[in-house]
């Protein structure tokens, strides 16, 4: 279980870092801030996915809850880390929706029992 958690954490962290670094929807001032924010988002979503594995419900509900949790964790990270700013236009919201969907699918795939 710990190996699966670590795999989900690293995979999600790399995906979030690449997505933030290569797009302009989430502006981060420093590279260290991007790395730290990606790690916080990855750790939070992987931990949430582990907790959601305990639910006796179906896979789709877990993915939806993990996607919503990813959005909340990303918003909280952007609010609390200095130098982070999320654009508030429609393409940025669609980008965050796709990013959170990919994070939820990665977590569900790597943490499946």
C-alpha atoms as a PDB file:
ATOM      1  CA  UNK A   1       0.000   0.000   0.000  1.00  0.00           C
ATOM      2  CA  UNK A   2       2.856   2.401   0.807  1.00  0.00           C
ATOM      3  CA  UNK A   3       4.497   1.674  -2.542  1.00  0.00           C
ATOM      4  CA  UNK A   4       1.243   2.475  -4.339  1.00  0.00           C
ATOM      5  CA  UNK A   5       0.902   5.708  -2.344  1.00  0.00           C
ATOM      6  CA  UNK A   6       4.458   6.718  -3.230  1.00  0.00           C
ATOM      7  CA  UNK A   7       3.871   5.882  -6.901  1.00  0.00           C
ATOM      8  CA  UNK A   8       0.693   7.966  -6.960  1.00  0.00           C
ATOM      9  CA  UNK A   9       2.486  10.825  -5.181  1.00  0.00           C
ATOM     10  CA  UNK A  10       5.433  10.921  -7.588  1.00  0.00           C
ATOM     11  CA  UNK A  11       3.373  10.433 -10.746  1.00  0.00           C
ATOM     12  CA  UNK A  12       0.865  13.093  -9.764  1.00  0.00           C
ATOM     13  CA  UNK A  13       3.615  15.473  -8.699  1.00  0.00           C
ATOM     14  CA  UNK A  14       5.395  15.170 -12.026  1.00  0.00           C
ATOM     15  CA  UNK A  15       2.144  15.639 -13.968  1.00  0.00           C
ATOM     16  CA  UNK A  16       1.155  18.725 -11.964  1.00  0.00           C
ATOM     17  CA  UNK A  17       4.652  20.209 -12.244  1.00  0.00           C
ATOM     18  CA  UNK A  18       4.755  19.763 -16.011  1.00  0.00           C
ATOM     19  CA  UNK A  19       1.245  21.153 -16.386  1.00  0.00           C
ATOM     20  CA  UNK A  20       1.966  24.242 -14.272  1.00  0.00           C
ATOM     21  CA  UNK A  21       5.427  24.869 -15.710  1.00  0.00           C
ATOM     22  CA  UNK A  22       4.375  24.645 -19.369  1.00  0.00           C
ATOM     23  CA  UNK A  23       1.118  26.598 -19.259  1.00  0.00           C
ATOM     24  CA  UNK A  24       0.201  30.125 -18.266  1.00  0.00           C
ATOM     25  CA  UNK A  25      -3.075  29.349 -16.486  1.00  0.00           C
ATOM     26  CA  UNK A  26      -1.377  29.122 -13.087  1.00  0.00           C
ATOM     27  CA  UNK A  27       1.382  31.695 -12.687  1.00  0.00           C
ATOM     28  CA  UNK A  28       4.109  30.926 -10.178  1.00  0.00           C
ATOM     29  CA  UNK A  29       6.959  33.338  -9.485  1.00  0.00           C
ATOM     30  CA  UNK A  30       9.784  30.884  -8.744  1.00  0.00           C
ATOM     31  CA  UNK A  31      10.764  27.390  -9.790  1.00  0.00           C
ATOM     32  CA  UNK A  32      11.009  26.371  -6.130  1.00  0.00           C
ATOM     33  CA  UNK A  33       7.440  27.526  -5.606  1.00  0.00           C
ATOM     34  CA  UNK A  34       6.344  25.381  -8.520  1.00  0.00           C
ATOM     35  CA  UNK A  35       8.103  22.332  -7.091  1.00  0.00           C
ATOM     36  CA  UNK A  36       6.730  22.922  -3.589  1.00  0.00           C
ATOM     37  CA  UNK A  37       3.198  23.538  -4.832  1.00  0.00           C
ATOM     38  CA  UNK A  38       3.284  20.461  -7.044  1.00  0.00           C
ATOM     39  CA  UNK A  39       4.472  18.355  -4.114  1.00  0.00           C
ATOM     40  CA  UNK A  40       1.749  19.717  -1.830  1.00  0.00           C
ATOM     41  CA  UNK A  41      -0.951  19.080  -4.430  1.00  0.00           C
ATOM     42  CA  UNK A  42       0.369  15.590  -5.156  1.00  0.00           C
ATOM     43  CA  UNK A  43       0.648  14.632  -1.486  1.00  0.00           C
ATOM     44  CA  UNK A  44      -2.820  15.949  -0.688  1.00  0.00           C
ATOM     45  CA  UNK A  45      -4.525  14.223  -3.599  1.00  0.00           C
ATOM     46  CA  UNK A  46      -2.710  10.931  -3.029  1.00  0.00           C
ATOM     47  CA  UNK A  47      -3.661  11.013   0.652  1.00  0.00           C
ATOM     48  CA  UNK A  48      -7.249  11.831  -0.279  1.00  0.00           C
ATOM     49  CA  UNK A  49      -7.295   8.951  -2.747  1.00  0.00           C
ATOM     50  CA  UNK A  50      -6.054   6.545  -0.058  1.00  0.00           C
ATOM     51  CA  UNK A  51      -8.796   7.727   2.277  1.00  0.00           C
ATOM     52  CA  UNK A  52     -11.409   7.401  -0.470  1.00  0.00           C
ATOM     53  CA  UNK A  53     -10.346   3.783  -1.058  1.00  0.00           C
ATOM     54  CA  UNK A  54     -11.966   2.998   2.294  1.00  0.00           C
ATOM     55  CA  UNK A  55     -15.403   3.984   0.950  1.00  0.00           C
ATOM     56  CA  UNK A  56     -17.538   0.996  -0.018  1.00  0.00           C
ATOM     57  CA  UNK A  57     -18.949   2.917  -2.988  1.00  0.00           C
ATOM     58  CA  UNK A  58     -18.134   2.553  -6.671  1.00  0.00           C
ATOM     59  CA  UNK A  59     -15.196   3.682  -8.688  1.00  0.00           C
ATOM     60  CA  UNK A  60     -16.944   6.549 -10.424  1.00  0.00           C
ATOM     61  CA  UNK A  61     -17.930   8.202  -7.151  1.00  0.00           C
ATOM     62  CA  UNK A  62     -14.355   7.905  -5.863  1.00  0.00           C
ATOM     63  CA  UNK A  63     -13.008   9.516  -9.046  1.00  0.00           C
ATOM     64  CA  UNK A  64     -15.515  12.370  -8.824  1.00  0.00           C
ATOM     65  CA  UNK A  65     -14.744  12.988  -5.149  1.00  0.00           C
ATOM     66  CA  UNK A  66     -11.007  12.821  -5.846  1.00  0.00           C
ATOM     67  CA  UNK A  67     -11.386  15.334  -8.692  1.00  0.00           C
ATOM     68  CA  UNK A  68     -13.336  17.724  -6.475  1.00  0.00           C
ATOM     69  CA  UNK A  69     -10.757  17.289  -3.732  1.00  0.00           C
ATOM     70  CA  UNK A  70      -7.955  17.976  -6.210  1.00  0.00           C
ATOM     71  CA  UNK A  71      -9.624  21.239  -7.189  1.00  0.00           C
ATOM     72  CA  UNK A  72      -9.968  22.253  -3.541  1.00  0.00           C
ATOM     73  CA  UNK A  73      -6.361  21.317  -2.774  1.00  0.00           C
ATOM     74  CA  UNK A  74      -5.108  23.219  -5.827  1.00  0.00           C
ATOM     75  CA  UNK A  75      -7.129  26.295  -4.874  1.00  0.00           C
ATOM     76  CA  UNK A  76      -5.918  26.116  -1.288  1.00  0.00           C
ATOM     77  CA  UNK A  77      -2.325  25.730  -2.410  1.00  0.00           C
ATOM     78  CA  UNK A  78      -2.630  28.758  -4.682  1.00  0.00           C
ATOM     79  CA  UNK A  79      -4.216  30.781  -1.885  1.00  0.00           C
ATOM     80  CA  UNK A  80      -1.628  29.966   0.780  1.00  0.00           C
ATOM     81  CA  UNK A  81       1.647  29.851  -1.172  1.00  0.00           C
ATOM     82  CA  UNK A  82       3.133  33.240  -2.018  1.00  0.00           C
ATOM     83  CA  UNK A  83       3.652  33.926  -5.691  1.00  0.00           C
ATOM     84  CA  UNK A  84       0.839  31.694  -6.934  1.00  0.00           C
ATOM     85  CA  UNK A  85      -1.967  33.182  -9.019  1.00  0.00           C
ATOM     86  CA  UNK A  86      -4.663  31.244 -10.872  1.00  0.00           C
ATOM     87  CA  UNK A  87      -6.248  32.988 -13.850  1.00  0.00           C
ATOM     88  CA  UNK A  88      -9.993  33.407 -13.482  1.00  0.00           C
ATOM     89  CA  UNK A  89     -11.093  32.946 -17.068  1.00  0.00           C
ATOM     90  CA  UNK A  90     -12.914  30.070 -18.736  1.00  0.00           C
ATOM     91  CA  UNK A  91      -9.848  28.394 -20.356  1.00  0.00           C
ATOM     92  CA  UNK A  92      -8.095  28.306 -16.976  1.00  0.00           C
ATOM     93  CA  UNK A  93     -11.107  26.675 -15.351  1.00  0.00           C
ATOM     94  CA  UNK A  94     -11.268  24.087 -18.152  1.00  0.00           C
ATOM     95  CA  UNK A  95      -7.544  23.461 -17.709  1.00  0.00           C
ATOM     96  CA  UNK A  96      -8.037  22.879 -13.981  1.00  0.00           C
ATOM     97  CA  UNK A  97     -10.981  20.575 -14.692  1.00  0.00           C
ATOM     98  CA  UNK A  98      -8.889  18.450 -17.074  1.00  0.00           C
ATOM     99  CA  UNK A  99      -5.890  18.490 -14.720  1.00  0.00           C
ATOM    100  CA  UNK A 100      -7.992  17.346 -11.769  1.00  0.00           C
ATOM    101  CA  UNK A 101      -9.630  14.639 -13.884  1.00  0.00           C
ATOM    102  CA  UNK A 102      -6.210  13.311 -14.908  1.00  0.00           C
ATOM    103  CA  UNK A 103      -5.006  13.398 -11.295  1.00  0.00           C
ATOM    104  CA  UNK A 104      -8.099  11.498 -10.153  1.00  0.00           C
ATOM    105  CA  UNK A 105      -7.646   8.856 -12.849  1.00  0.00           C
ATOM    106  CA  UNK A 106      -3.948   8.435 -12.051  1.00  0.00           C
ATOM    107  CA  UNK A 107      -4.710   8.038  -8.353  1.00  0.00           C
ATOM    108  CA  UNK A 108      -7.517   5.575  -9.006  1.00  0.00           C
ATOM    109  CA  UNK A 109      -5.315   3.524 -11.328  1.00  0.00           C
ATOM    110  CA  UNK A 110      -2.259   3.404  -9.072  1.00  0.00           C
ATOM    111  CA  UNK A 111      -4.177   2.838  -5.842  1.00  0.00           C
ATOM    112  CA  UNK A 112      -6.667   0.265  -7.072  1.00  0.00           C
ATOM    113  CA  UNK A 113      -7.032  -2.713  -4.774  1.00  0.00           C
END
